[in-house]
Amino acid sequence: GKVLPALDHHRLAEIHMHGGASSVLAHHNKPDELEEALQYYRLRADPTDGGRRRRGTGGDPDVHASYTLANFYHYGMRGVRQDMSEALKYYEIAAEAGSWEAAGQAGKFH
């Protein structure tokens, strides 16, 4: 399978958020596809992948990545297909990690 690069040297989420071009990145890391940026968000947002710890990831979810991913799914932003169940999933991850904003958004779903 595909080997994922180390997390600490990549800024895919930030570059995707700002609509940046791949020229901002190093030669070995050019996210030309939306799916690659979303994969990085998912990796940062849920390092346990629903209970199974992913190798090479930190222990805690990235609150910013979780909340941002939830917003993408909730509102169908940045070319992401709108999916309310995925939005709720990532709002709950961010809320459990301490985001009161995410907790409020998740509450709207119930």
PDB file of N, CA and C in Angstrom:
ATOM      1  N   GLY A   1       0.819  -1.195   0.000  1.00  0.00           N
ATOM      2  CA  GLY A   1       0.000   0.000   0.000  1.00  0.00           C
ATOM      3  C   GLY A   1       0.853   1.245   0.000  1.00  0.00           C
ATOM      4  N   LYS A   2       0.179   2.341   0.000  1.00  0.00           N
ATOM      5  CA  LYS A   2       0.824   3.643  -0.009  1.00  0.00           C
ATOM      6  C   LYS A   2       1.369   3.958   1.381  1.00  0.00           C
ATOM      7  N   VAL A   3       2.594   4.409   1.444  1.00  0.00           N
ATOM      8  CA  VAL A   3       3.215   4.779   2.712  1.00  0.00           C
ATOM      9  C   VAL A   3       2.959   6.262   2.939  1.00  0.00           C
ATOM     10  N   LEU A   4       2.369   6.583   4.083  1.00  0.00           N
ATOM     11  CA  LEU A   4       2.097   7.979   4.409  1.00  0.00           C
ATOM     12  C   LEU A   4       3.347   8.633   4.993  1.00  0.00           C
ATOM     13  N   PRO A   5       3.629   9.869   4.619  1.00  0.00           N
ATOM     14  CA  PRO A   5       4.790  10.563   5.161  1.00  0.00           C
ATOM     15  C   PRO A   5       4.567  10.943   6.627  1.00  0.00           C
ATOM     16  N   ALA A   6       5.638  11.304   7.304  1.00  0.00           N
ATOM     17  CA  ALA A   6       5.550  11.720   8.701  1.00  0.00           C
ATOM     18  C   ALA A   6       4.652  12.948   8.818  1.00  0.00           C
ATOM     19  N   LEU A   7       3.871  13.010   9.867  1.00  0.00           N
ATOM     20  CA  LEU A   7       2.912  14.099  10.045  1.00  0.00           C
ATOM     21  C   LEU A   7       3.552  15.444  10.342  1.00  0.00           C
ATOM     22  N   ASP A   8       4.644  15.442  11.064  1.00  0.00           N
ATOM     23  CA  ASP A   8       5.168  16.699  11.560  1.00  0.00           C
ATOM     24  C   ASP A   8       5.839  17.569  10.499  1.00  0.00           C
ATOM     25  N   HIS A   9       6.005  17.102   9.298  1.00  0.00           N
ATOM     26  CA  HIS A   9       6.658  17.892   8.257  1.00  0.00           C
ATOM     27  C   HIS A   9       5.689  18.357   7.177  1.00  0.00           C
ATOM     28  N   HIS A  10       4.391  18.227   7.400  1.00  0.00           N
ATOM     29  CA  HIS A  10       3.440  18.518   6.350  1.00  0.00           C
ATOM     30  C   HIS A  10       2.436  19.570   6.777  1.00  0.00           C
ATOM     31  N   ARG A  11       2.013  20.370   5.803  1.00  0.00           N
ATOM     32  CA  ARG A  11       1.058  21.428   6.080  1.00  0.00           C
ATOM     33  C   ARG A  11      -0.096  21.358   5.087  1.00  0.00           C
ATOM     34  N   LEU A  12      -0.509  20.167   4.718  1.00  0.00           N
ATOM     35  CA  LEU A  12      -1.561  20.018   3.717  1.00  0.00           C
ATOM     36  C   LEU A  12      -2.846  20.716   4.135  1.00  0.00           C
ATOM     37  N   ALA A  13      -3.208  20.563   5.400  1.00  0.00           N
ATOM     38  CA  ALA A  13      -4.466  21.151   5.855  1.00  0.00           C
ATOM     39  C   ALA A  13      -4.441  22.665   5.727  1.00  0.00           C
ATOM     40  N   GLU A  14      -3.366  23.287   6.175  1.00  0.00           N
ATOM     41  CA  GLU A  14      -3.275  24.739   6.109  1.00  0.00           C
ATOM     42  C   GLU A  14      -3.261  25.235   4.661  1.00  0.00           C
ATOM     43  N   ILE A  15      -2.539  24.542   3.819  1.00  0.00           N
ATOM     44  CA  ILE A  15      -2.448  24.956   2.419  1.00  0.00           C
ATOM     45  C   ILE A  15      -3.797  24.791   1.725  1.00  0.00           C
ATOM     46  N   HIS A  16      -4.483  23.694   2.023  1.00  0.00           N
ATOM     47  CA  HIS A  16      -5.801  23.480   1.431  1.00  0.00           C
ATOM     48  C   HIS A  16      -6.785  24.549   1.900  1.00  0.00           C
ATOM     49  N   MET A  17      -6.739  24.900   3.184  1.00  0.00           N
ATOM     50  CA  MET A  17      -7.654  25.904   3.736  1.00  0.00           C
ATOM     51  C   MET A  17      -7.512  27.239   3.022  1.00  0.00           C
ATOM     52  N   HIS A  18      -6.284  27.609   2.729  1.00  0.00           N
ATOM     53  CA  HIS A  18      -6.026  28.906   2.109  1.00  0.00           C
ATOM     54  C   HIS A  18      -6.031  28.836   0.586  1.00  0.00           C
ATOM     55  N   GLY A  19      -6.398  27.681   0.048  1.00  0.00           N
ATOM     56  CA  GLY A  19      -6.469  27.536  -1.402  1.00  0.00           C
ATOM     57  C   GLY A  19      -5.115  27.640  -2.065  1.00  0.00           C
ATOM     58  N   GLY A  20      -4.079  27.321  -1.310  1.00  0.00           N
ATOM     59  CA  GLY A  20      -2.713  27.485  -1.793  1.00  0.00           C
ATOM     60  C   GLY A  20      -2.353  26.576  -2.950  1.00  0.00           C
ATOM     61  N   ALA A  21      -1.325  26.979  -3.631  1.00  0.00           N
ATOM     62  CA  ALA A  21      -0.817  26.188  -4.751  1.00  0.00           C
ATOM     63  C   ALA A  21       0.232  25.214  -4.256  1.00  0.00           C
ATOM     64  N   SER A  22       0.460  24.173  -5.012  1.00  0.00           N
ATOM     65  CA  SER A  22       1.432  23.155  -4.615  1.00  0.00           C
ATOM     66  C   SER A  22       2.853  23.698  -4.625  1.00  0.00           C
ATOM     67  N   SER A  23       3.090  24.858  -5.234  1.00  0.00           N
ATOM     68  CA  SER A  23       4.435  25.419  -5.258  1.00  0.00           C
ATOM     69  C   SER A  23       4.897  25.854  -3.875  1.00  0.00           C
ATOM     70  N   VAL A  24       3.964  25.976  -2.923  1.00  0.00           N
ATOM     71  CA  VAL A  24       4.321  26.346  -1.565  1.00  0.00           C
ATOM     72  C   VAL A  24       5.001  25.180  -0.847  1.00  0.00           C
ATOM     73  N   LEU A  25       4.737  23.977  -1.286  1.00  0.00           N
ATOM     74  CA  LEU A  25       5.238  22.789  -0.616  1.00  0.00           C
ATOM     75  C   LEU A  25       6.594  22.359  -1.153  1.00  0.00           C
ATOM     76  N   ALA A  26       7.228  21.471  -0.413  1.00  0.00           N
ATOM     77  CA  ALA A  26       8.481  20.885  -0.860  1.00  0.00           C
ATOM     78  C   ALA A  26       8.214  19.989  -2.069  1.00  0.00           C
ATOM     79  N   HIS A  27       9.262  19.655  -2.793  1.00  0.00           N
ATOM     80  CA  HIS A  27       9.111  18.863  -4.014  1.00  0.00           C
ATOM     81  C   HIS A  27       8.510  17.492  -3.764  1.00  0.00           C
ATOM     82  N   HIS A  28       8.681  16.931  -2.558  1.00  0.00           N
ATOM     83  CA  HIS A  28       8.196  15.578  -2.285  1.00  0.00           C
ATOM     84  C   HIS A  28       6.751  15.546  -1.793  1.00  0.00           C
ATOM     85  N   ASN A  29       6.096  16.682  -1.690  1.00  0.00           N
ATOM     86  CA  ASN A  29       4.767  16.717  -1.098  1.00  0.00           C
ATOM     87  C   ASN A  29       3.902  17.757  -1.802  1.00  0.00           C
ATOM     88  N   LYS A  30       3.285  17.388  -2.913  1.00  0.00           N
ATOM     89  CA  LYS A  30       2.461  18.324  -3.668  1.00  0.00           C
ATOM     90  C   LYS A  30       1.037  17.796  -3.768  1.00  0.00           C
ATOM     91  N   PRO A  31       0.131  18.321  -2.929  1.00  0.00           N
ATOM     92  CA  PRO A  31      -1.249  17.817  -2.938  1.00  0.00           C
ATOM     93  C   PRO A  31      -2.044  18.400  -4.100  1.00  0.00           C
ATOM     94  N   ASP A  32      -1.993  17.726  -5.226  1.00  0.00           N
ATOM     95  CA  ASP A  32      -2.704  18.216  -6.396  1.00  0.00           C
ATOM     96  C   ASP A  32      -4.163  17.798  -6.392  1.00  0.00           C
ATOM     97  N   GLU A  33      -4.523  16.928  -5.495  1.00  0.00           N
ATOM     98  CA  GLU A  33      -5.879  16.423  -5.461  1.00  0.00           C
ATOM     99  C   GLU A  33      -6.546  16.741  -4.133  1.00  0.00           C
ATOM    100  N   LEU A  34      -7.822  17.025  -4.197  1.00  0.00           N
ATOM    101  CA  LEU A  34      -8.615  17.281  -3.008  1.00  0.00           C
ATOM    102  C   LEU A  34      -8.568  16.098  -2.055  1.00  0.00           C
ATOM    103  N   GLU A  35      -8.633  14.890  -2.580  1.00  0.00           N
ATOM    104  CA  GLU A  35      -8.677  13.699  -1.737  1.00  0.00           C
ATOM    105  C   GLU A  35      -7.422  13.557  -0.877  1.00  0.00           C
ATOM    106  N   GLU A  36      -6.274  13.971  -1.387  1.00  0.00           N
ATOM    107  CA  GLU A  36      -5.048  13.890  -0.596  1.00  0.00           C
ATOM    108  C   GLU A  36      -5.104  14.826   0.600  1.00  0.00           C
ATOM    109  N   ALA A  37      -5.610  16.024   0.395  1.00  0.00           N
ATOM    110  CA  ALA A  37      -5.742  16.969   1.506  1.00  0.00           C
ATOM    111  C   ALA A  37      -6.758  16.459   2.518  1.00  0.00           C
ATOM    112  N   LEU A  38      -7.860  15.900   2.039  1.00  0.00           N
ATOM    113  CA  LEU A  38      -8.872  15.360   2.949  1.00  0.00           C
ATOM    114  C   LEU A  38      -8.338  14.164   3.716  1.00  0.00           C
ATOM    115  N   GLN A  39      -7.526  13.351   3.091  1.00  0.00           N
ATOM    116  CA  GLN A  39      -6.921  12.207   3.776  1.00  0.00           C
ATOM    117  C   GLN A  39      -6.046  12.697   4.927  1.00  0.00           C
ATOM    118  N   TYR A  40      -5.317  13.753   4.695  1.00  0.00           N
ATOM    119  CA  TYR A  40      -4.473  14.313   5.746  1.00  0.00           C
ATOM    120  C   TYR A  40      -5.329  14.857   6.894  1.00  0.00           C
ATOM    121  N   TYR A  41      -6.397  15.581   6.551  1.00  0.00           N
ATOM    122  CA  TYR A  41      -7.321  16.068   7.581  1.00  0.00           C
ATOM    123  C   TYR A  41      -7.860  14.905   8.410  1.00  0.00           C
ATOM    124  N   ARG A  42      -8.294  13.853   7.732  1.00  0.00           N
ATOM    125  CA  ARG A  42      -8.856  12.696   8.438  1.00  0.00           C
ATOM    126  C   ARG A  42      -7.824  12.063   9.360  1.00  0.00           C
ATOM    127  N   LEU A  43      -6.606  11.964   8.903  1.00  0.00           N
ATOM    128  CA  LEU A  43      -5.535  11.385   9.706  1.00  0.00           C
ATOM    129  C   LEU A  43      -5.289  12.215  10.958  1.00  0.00           C
ATOM    130  N   ARG A  44      -5.290  13.530  10.809  1.00  0.00           N
ATOM    131  CA  ARG A  44      -5.080  14.411  11.957  1.00  0.00           C
ATOM    132  C   ARG A  44      -6.305  14.459  12.863  1.00  0.00           C
ATOM    133  N   ALA A  45      -7.484  14.412  12.279  1.00  0.00           N
ATOM    134  CA  ALA A  45      -8.723  14.552  13.045  1.00  0.00           C
ATOM    135  C   ALA A  45      -9.036  13.321  13.873  1.00  0.00           C
ATOM    136  N   ASP A  46      -8.747  12.141  13.375  1.00  0.00           N
ATOM    137  CA  ASP A  46      -9.104  10.906  14.071  1.00  0.00           C
ATOM    138  C   ASP A  46      -7.946   9.917  14.009  1.00  0.00           C
ATOM    139  N   PRO A  47      -6.916  10.115  14.856  1.00  0.00           N
ATOM    140  CA  PRO A  47      -5.748   9.233  14.791  1.00  0.00           C
ATOM    141  C   PRO A  47      -6.045   7.797  15.189  1.00  0.00           C
ATOM    142  N   THR A  48      -7.179   7.549  15.853  1.00  0.00           N
ATOM    143  CA  THR A  48      -7.513   6.176  16.240  1.00  0.00           C
ATOM    144  C   THR A  48      -8.340   5.478  15.176  1.00  0.00           C
ATOM    145  N   ASP A  49      -8.845   6.229  14.208  1.00  0.00           N
ATOM    146  CA  ASP A  49      -9.634   5.662  13.111  1.00  0.00           C
ATOM    147  C   ASP A  49     -10.764   4.784  13.638  1.00  0.00           C
ATOM    148  N   GLY A  50     -11.555   5.353  14.553  1.00  0.00           N
ATOM    149  CA  GLY A  50     -12.704   4.637  15.078  1.00  0.00           C
ATOM    150  C   GLY A  50     -12.345   3.505  16.023  1.00  0.00           C
ATOM    151  N   GLY A  51     -11.242   3.614  16.738  1.00  0.00           N
ATOM    152  CA  GLY A  51     -10.892   2.600  17.724  1.00  0.00           C
ATOM    153  C   GLY A  51      -9.548   1.931  17.476  1.00  0.00           C
ATOM    154  N   ARG A  52      -9.133   1.833  16.217  1.00  0.00           N
ATOM    155  CA  ARG A  52      -7.829   1.222  15.897  1.00  0.00           C
ATOM    156  C   ARG A  52      -6.785   2.332  15.797  1.00  0.00           C
ATOM    157  N   ARG A  53      -5.737   2.231  16.585  1.00  0.00           N
ATOM    158  CA  ARG A  53      -4.694   3.254  16.531  1.00  0.00           C
ATOM    159  C   ARG A  53      -3.903   3.109  15.240  1.00  0.00           C
ATOM    160  N   ARG A  54      -3.758   4.202  14.536  1.00  0.00           N
ATOM    161  CA  ARG A  54      -2.962   4.198  13.315  1.00  0.00           C
ATOM    162  C   ARG A  54      -1.496   4.297  13.675  1.00  0.00           C
ATOM    163  N   ARG A  55      -0.704   3.539  13.002  1.00  0.00           N
ATOM    164  CA  ARG A  55       0.732   3.553  13.233  1.00  0.00           C
ATOM    165  C   ARG A  55       1.311   4.901  12.821  1.00  0.00           C
ATOM    166  N   GLY A  56       2.174   5.459  13.664  1.00  0.00           N
ATOM    167  CA  GLY A  56       2.865   6.697  13.326  1.00  0.00           C
ATOM    168  C   GLY A  56       2.079   7.953  13.626  1.00  0.00           C
ATOM    169  N   THR A  57       0.941   7.845  14.291  1.00  0.00           N
ATOM    170  CA  THR A  57       0.161   9.040  14.614  1.00  0.00           C
ATOM    171  C   THR A  57       0.267   9.319  16.092  1.00  0.00           C
ATOM    172  N   GLY A  58      -0.023  10.556  16.459  1.00  0.00           N
ATOM    173  CA  GLY A  58      -0.064  10.923  17.867  1.00  0.00           C
ATOM    174  C   GLY A  58      -1.311  10.341  18.503  1.00  0.00           C
ATOM    175  N   GLY A  59      -1.451  10.523  19.784  1.00  0.00           N
ATOM    176  CA  GLY A  59      -2.572   9.929  20.485  1.00  0.00           C
ATOM    177  C   GLY A  59      -3.846  10.735  20.435  1.00  0.00           C
ATOM    178  N   ASP A  60      -3.757  12.044  20.445  1.00  0.00           N
ATOM    179  CA  ASP A  60      -4.948  12.888  20.545  1.00  0.00           C
ATOM    180  C   ASP A  60      -5.355  13.434  19.189  1.00  0.00           C
ATOM    181  N   PRO A  61      -6.672  13.580  18.983  1.00  0.00           N
ATOM    182  CA  PRO A  61      -7.130  14.176  17.728  1.00  0.00           C
ATOM    183  C   PRO A  61      -6.770  15.652  17.655  1.00  0.00           C
ATOM    184  N   ASP A  62      -6.559  16.134  16.472  1.00  0.00           N
ATOM    185  CA  ASP A  62      -6.306  17.553  16.227  1.00  0.00           C
ATOM    186  C   ASP A  62      -7.665  18.245  16.159  1.00  0.00           C
ATOM    187  N   VAL A  63      -7.949  19.094  17.149  1.00  0.00           N
ATOM    188  CA  VAL A  63      -9.255  19.741  17.240  1.00  0.00           C
ATOM    189  C   VAL A  63      -9.525  20.604  16.008  1.00  0.00           C
ATOM    190  N   HIS A  64      -8.526  21.348  15.570  1.00  0.00           N
ATOM    191  CA  HIS A  64      -8.713  22.213  14.402  1.00  0.00           C
ATOM    192  C   HIS A  64      -9.035  21.391  13.155  1.00  0.00           C
ATOM    193  N   ALA A  65      -8.317  20.304  12.957  1.00  0.00           N
ATOM    194  CA  ALA A  65      -8.574  19.458  11.781  1.00  0.00           C
ATOM    195  C   ALA A  65      -9.963  18.835  11.857  1.00  0.00           C
ATOM    196  N   SER A  66     -10.358  18.379  13.034  1.00  0.00           N
ATOM    197  CA  SER A  66     -11.684  17.772  13.205  1.00  0.00           C
ATOM    198  C   SER A  66     -12.788  18.780  12.907  1.00  0.00           C
ATOM    199  N   TYR A  67     -12.669  19.957  13.487  1.00  0.00           N
ATOM    200  CA  TYR A  67     -13.695  20.986  13.311  1.00  0.00           C
ATOM    201  C   TYR A  67     -13.759  21.465  11.866  1.00  0.00           C
ATOM    202  N   THR A  68     -12.599  21.635  11.250  1.00  0.00           N
ATOM    203  CA  THR A  68     -12.556  22.078   9.858  1.00  0.00           C
ATOM    204  C   THR A  68     -13.168  21.033   8.936  1.00  0.00           C
ATOM    205  N   LEU A  69     -12.817  19.780   9.142  1.00  0.00           N
ATOM    206  CA  LEU A  69     -13.369  18.696   8.339  1.00  0.00           C
ATOM    207  C   LEU A  69     -14.880  18.610   8.518  1.00  0.00           C
ATOM    208  N   ALA A  70     -15.341  18.776   9.751  1.00  0.00           N
ATOM    209  CA  ALA A  70     -16.778  18.766  10.022  1.00  0.00           C
ATOM    210  C   ALA A  70     -17.482  19.888   9.258  1.00  0.00           C
ATOM    211  N   ASN A  71     -16.878  21.070   9.242  1.00  0.00           N
ATOM    212  CA  ASN A  71     -17.469  22.188   8.496  1.00  0.00           C
ATOM    213  C   ASN A  71     -17.501  21.913   7.002  1.00  0.00           C
ATOM    214  N   PHE A  72     -16.439  21.326   6.478  1.00  0.00           N
ATOM    215  CA  PHE A  72     -16.426  20.977   5.060  1.00  0.00           C
ATOM    216  C   PHE A  72     -17.601  20.067   4.719  1.00  0.00           C
ATOM    217  N   TYR A  73     -17.803  19.021   5.527  1.00  0.00           N
ATOM    218  CA  TYR A  73     -18.896  18.089   5.272  1.00  0.00           C
ATOM    219  C   TYR A  73     -20.259  18.716   5.541  1.00  0.00           C
ATOM    220  N   HIS A  74     -20.361  19.520   6.574  1.00  0.00           N
ATOM    221  CA  HIS A  74     -21.631  20.135   6.948  1.00  0.00           C
ATOM    222  C   HIS A  74     -22.142  21.075   5.855  1.00  0.00           C
ATOM    223  N   TYR A  75     -21.263  21.935   5.380  1.00  0.00           N
ATOM    224  CA  TYR A  75     -21.681  22.959   4.429  1.00  0.00           C
ATOM    225  C   TYR A  75     -21.308  22.649   2.982  1.00  0.00           C
ATOM    226  N   GLY A  76     -20.624  21.546   2.730  1.00  0.00           N
ATOM    227  CA  GLY A  76     -20.217  21.212   1.372  1.00  0.00           C
ATOM    228  C   GLY A  76     -19.202  22.208   0.825  1.00  0.00           C
ATOM    229  N   MET A  77     -18.246  22.594   1.659  1.00  0.00           N
ATOM    230  CA  MET A  77     -17.256  23.608   1.287  1.00  0.00           C
ATOM    231  C   MET A  77     -16.063  23.014   0.557  1.00  0.00           C
ATOM    232  N   ARG A  78     -15.376  23.866  -0.204  1.00  0.00           N
ATOM    233  CA  ARG A  78     -14.122  23.522  -0.870  1.00  0.00           C
ATOM    234  C   ARG A  78     -14.194  22.273  -1.727  1.00  0.00           C
ATOM    235  N   GLY A  79     -15.311  22.036  -2.363  1.00  0.00           N
ATOM    236  CA  GLY A  79     -15.440  20.892  -3.250  1.00  0.00           C
ATOM    237  C   GLY A  79     -15.744  19.580  -2.558  1.00  0.00           C
ATOM    238  N   VAL A  80     -15.957  19.615  -1.250  1.00  0.00           N
ATOM    239  CA  VAL A  80     -16.280  18.404  -0.502  1.00  0.00           C
ATOM    240  C   VAL A  80     -17.781  18.161  -0.612  1.00  0.00           C
ATOM    241  N   ARG A  81     -18.157  16.916  -0.877  1.00  0.00           N
ATOM    242  CA  ARG A  81     -19.572  16.544  -0.970  1.00  0.00           C
ATOM    243  C   ARG A  81     -20.221  16.690   0.403  1.00  0.00           C
ATOM    244  N   GLN A  82     -21.375  17.339   0.455  1.00  0.00           N
ATOM    245  CA  GLN A  82     -22.077  17.528   1.722  1.00  0.00           C
ATOM    246  C   GLN A  82     -22.547  16.177   2.267  1.00  0.00           C
ATOM    247  N   ASP A  83     -22.210  15.915   3.532  1.00  0.00           N
ATOM    248  CA  ASP A  83     -22.550  14.643   4.170  1.00  0.00           C
ATOM    249  C   ASP A  83     -22.751  14.911   5.655  1.00  0.00           C
ATOM    250  N   MET A  84     -24.002  14.945   6.078  1.00  0.00           N
ATOM    251  CA  MET A  84     -24.320  15.314   7.455  1.00  0.00           C
ATOM    252  C   MET A  84     -23.839  14.281   8.482  1.00  0.00           C
ATOM    253  N   SER A  85     -23.846  12.998   8.121  1.00  0.00           N
ATOM    254  CA  SER A  85     -23.384  11.994   9.087  1.00  0.00           C
ATOM    255  C   SER A  85     -21.880  12.123   9.320  1.00  0.00           C
ATOM    256  N   GLU A  86     -21.113  12.415   8.286  1.00  0.00           N
ATOM    257  CA  GLU A  86     -19.680  12.646   8.451  1.00  0.00           C
ATOM    258  C   GLU A  86     -19.442  13.933   9.229  1.00  0.00           C
ATOM    259  N   ALA A  87     -20.239  14.959   8.966  1.00  0.00           N
ATOM    260  CA  ALA A  87     -20.108  16.218   9.701  1.00  0.00           C
ATOM    261  C   ALA A  87     -20.307  15.979  11.193  1.00  0.00           C
ATOM    262  N   LEU A  88     -21.354  15.249  11.546  1.00  0.00           N
ATOM    263  CA  LEU A  88     -21.620  14.956  12.951  1.00  0.00           C
ATOM    264  C   LEU A  88     -20.475  14.158  13.564  1.00  0.00           C
ATOM    265  N   LYS A  89     -19.961  13.196  12.848  1.00  0.00           N
ATOM    266  CA  LYS A  89     -18.850  12.376  13.345  1.00  0.00           C
ATOM    267  C   LYS A  89     -17.667  13.262  13.735  1.00  0.00           C
ATOM    268  N   TYR A  90     -17.283  14.181  12.858  1.00  0.00           N
ATOM    269  CA  TYR A  90     -16.114  15.012  13.131  1.00  0.00           C
ATOM    270  C   TYR A  90     -16.419  16.126  14.130  1.00  0.00           C
ATOM    271  N   TYR A  91     -17.662  16.616  14.179  1.00  0.00           N
ATOM    272  CA  TYR A  91     -18.024  17.565  15.235  1.00  0.00           C
ATOM    273  C   TYR A  91     -17.897  16.888  16.600  1.00  0.00           C
ATOM    274  N   GLU A  92     -18.339  15.644  16.698  1.00  0.00           N
ATOM    275  CA  GLU A  92     -18.260  14.927  17.974  1.00  0.00           C
ATOM    276  C   GLU A  92     -16.816  14.655  18.377  1.00  0.00           C
ATOM    277  N   ILE A  93     -15.965  14.338  17.421  1.00  0.00           N
ATOM    278  CA  ILE A  93     -14.543  14.123  17.733  1.00  0.00           C
ATOM    279  C   ILE A  93     -13.939  15.409  18.282  1.00  0.00           C
ATOM    280  N   ALA A  94     -14.224  16.532  17.618  1.00  0.00           N
ATOM    281  CA  ALA A  94     -13.688  17.821  18.071  1.00  0.00           C
ATOM    282  C   ALA A  94     -14.272  18.201  19.427  1.00  0.00           C
ATOM    283  N   ALA A  95     -15.553  17.934  19.628  1.00  0.00           N
ATOM    284  CA  ALA A  95     -16.195  18.263  20.901  1.00  0.00           C
ATOM    285  C   ALA A  95     -15.578  17.455  22.042  1.00  0.00           C
ATOM    286  N   GLU A  96     -15.347  16.177  21.819  1.00  0.00           N
ATOM    287  CA  GLU A  96     -14.742  15.331  22.845  1.00  0.00           C
ATOM    288  C   GLU A  96     -13.309  15.755  23.155  1.00  0.00           C
ATOM    289  N   ALA A  97     -12.674  16.414  22.195  1.00  0.00           N
ATOM    290  CA  ALA A  97     -11.303  16.899  22.402  1.00  0.00           C
ATOM    291  C   ALA A  97     -11.287  18.290  23.030  1.00  0.00           C
ATOM    292  N   GLY A  98     -12.480  18.856  23.306  1.00  0.00           N
ATOM    293  CA  GLY A  98     -12.538  20.122  24.037  1.00  0.00           C
ATOM    294  C   GLY A  98     -13.044  21.338  23.283  1.00  0.00           C
ATOM    295  N   SER A  99     -13.538  21.183  22.087  1.00  0.00           N
ATOM    296  CA  SER A  99     -14.036  22.332  21.332  1.00  0.00           C
ATOM    297  C   SER A  99     -15.499  22.594  21.663  1.00  0.00           C
ATOM    298  N   TRP A 100     -15.768  23.730  22.301  1.00  0.00           N
ATOM    299  CA  TRP A 100     -17.156  24.069  22.627  1.00  0.00           C
ATOM    300  C   TRP A 100     -17.928  24.439  21.372  1.00  0.00           C
ATOM    301  N   GLU A 101     -17.250  24.995  20.371  1.00  0.00           N
ATOM    302  CA  GLU A 101     -17.931  25.323  19.113  1.00  0.00           C
ATOM    303  C   GLU A 101     -18.449  24.058  18.430  1.00  0.00           C
ATOM    304  N   ALA A 102     -17.596  23.044  18.411  1.00  0.00           N
ATOM    305  CA  ALA A 102     -17.990  21.761  17.807  1.00  0.00           C
ATOM    306  C   ALA A 102     -19.115  21.120  18.601  1.00  0.00           C
ATOM    307  N   ALA A 103     -19.063  21.239  19.924  1.00  0.00           N
ATOM    308  CA  ALA A 103     -20.123  20.684  20.760  1.00  0.00           C
ATOM    309  C   ALA A 103     -21.460  21.346  20.449  1.00  0.00           C
ATOM    310  N   GLY A 104     -21.431  22.646  20.243  1.00  0.00           N
ATOM    311  CA  GLY A 104     -22.655  23.370  19.883  1.00  0.00           C
ATOM    312  C   GLY A 104     -23.203  22.940  18.534  1.00  0.00           C
ATOM    313  N   GLN A 105     -22.316  22.765  17.567  1.00  0.00           N
ATOM    314  CA  GLN A 105     -22.754  22.322  16.242  1.00  0.00           C
ATOM    315  C   GLN A 105     -23.319  20.899  16.309  1.00  0.00           C
ATOM    316  N   ALA A 106     -22.628  20.023  17.061  1.00  0.00           N
ATOM    317  CA  ALA A 106     -23.107  18.646  17.192  1.00  0.00           C
ATOM    318  C   ALA A 106     -24.464  18.620  17.865  1.00  0.00           C
ATOM    319  N   GLY A 107     -24.686  19.511  18.815  1.00  0.00           N
ATOM    320  CA  GLY A 107     -25.970  19.590  19.503  1.00  0.00           C
ATOM    321  C   GLY A 107     -27.104  19.931  18.570  1.00  0.00           C
ATOM    322  N   LYS A 108     -26.830  20.689  17.539  1.00  0.00           N
ATOM    323  CA  LYS A 108     -27.871  21.046  16.549  1.00  0.00           C
ATOM    324  C   LYS A 108     -28.361  19.827  15.773  1.00  0.00           C
ATOM    325  N   PHE A 109     -27.524  18.801  15.702  1.00  0.00           N
ATOM    326  CA  PHE A 109     -27.877  17.609  14.950  1.00  0.00           C
ATOM    327  C   PHE A 109     -28.810  16.687  15.724  1.00  0.00           C
ATOM    328  N   HIS A 110     -28.878  16.875  17.043  1.00  0.00           N
ATOM    329  CA  HIS A 110     -29.679  15.958  17.874  1.00  0.00           C
ATOM    330  C   HIS A 110     -31.021  16.536  18.212  1.00  0.00           C
TER     331      HIS A 110
END
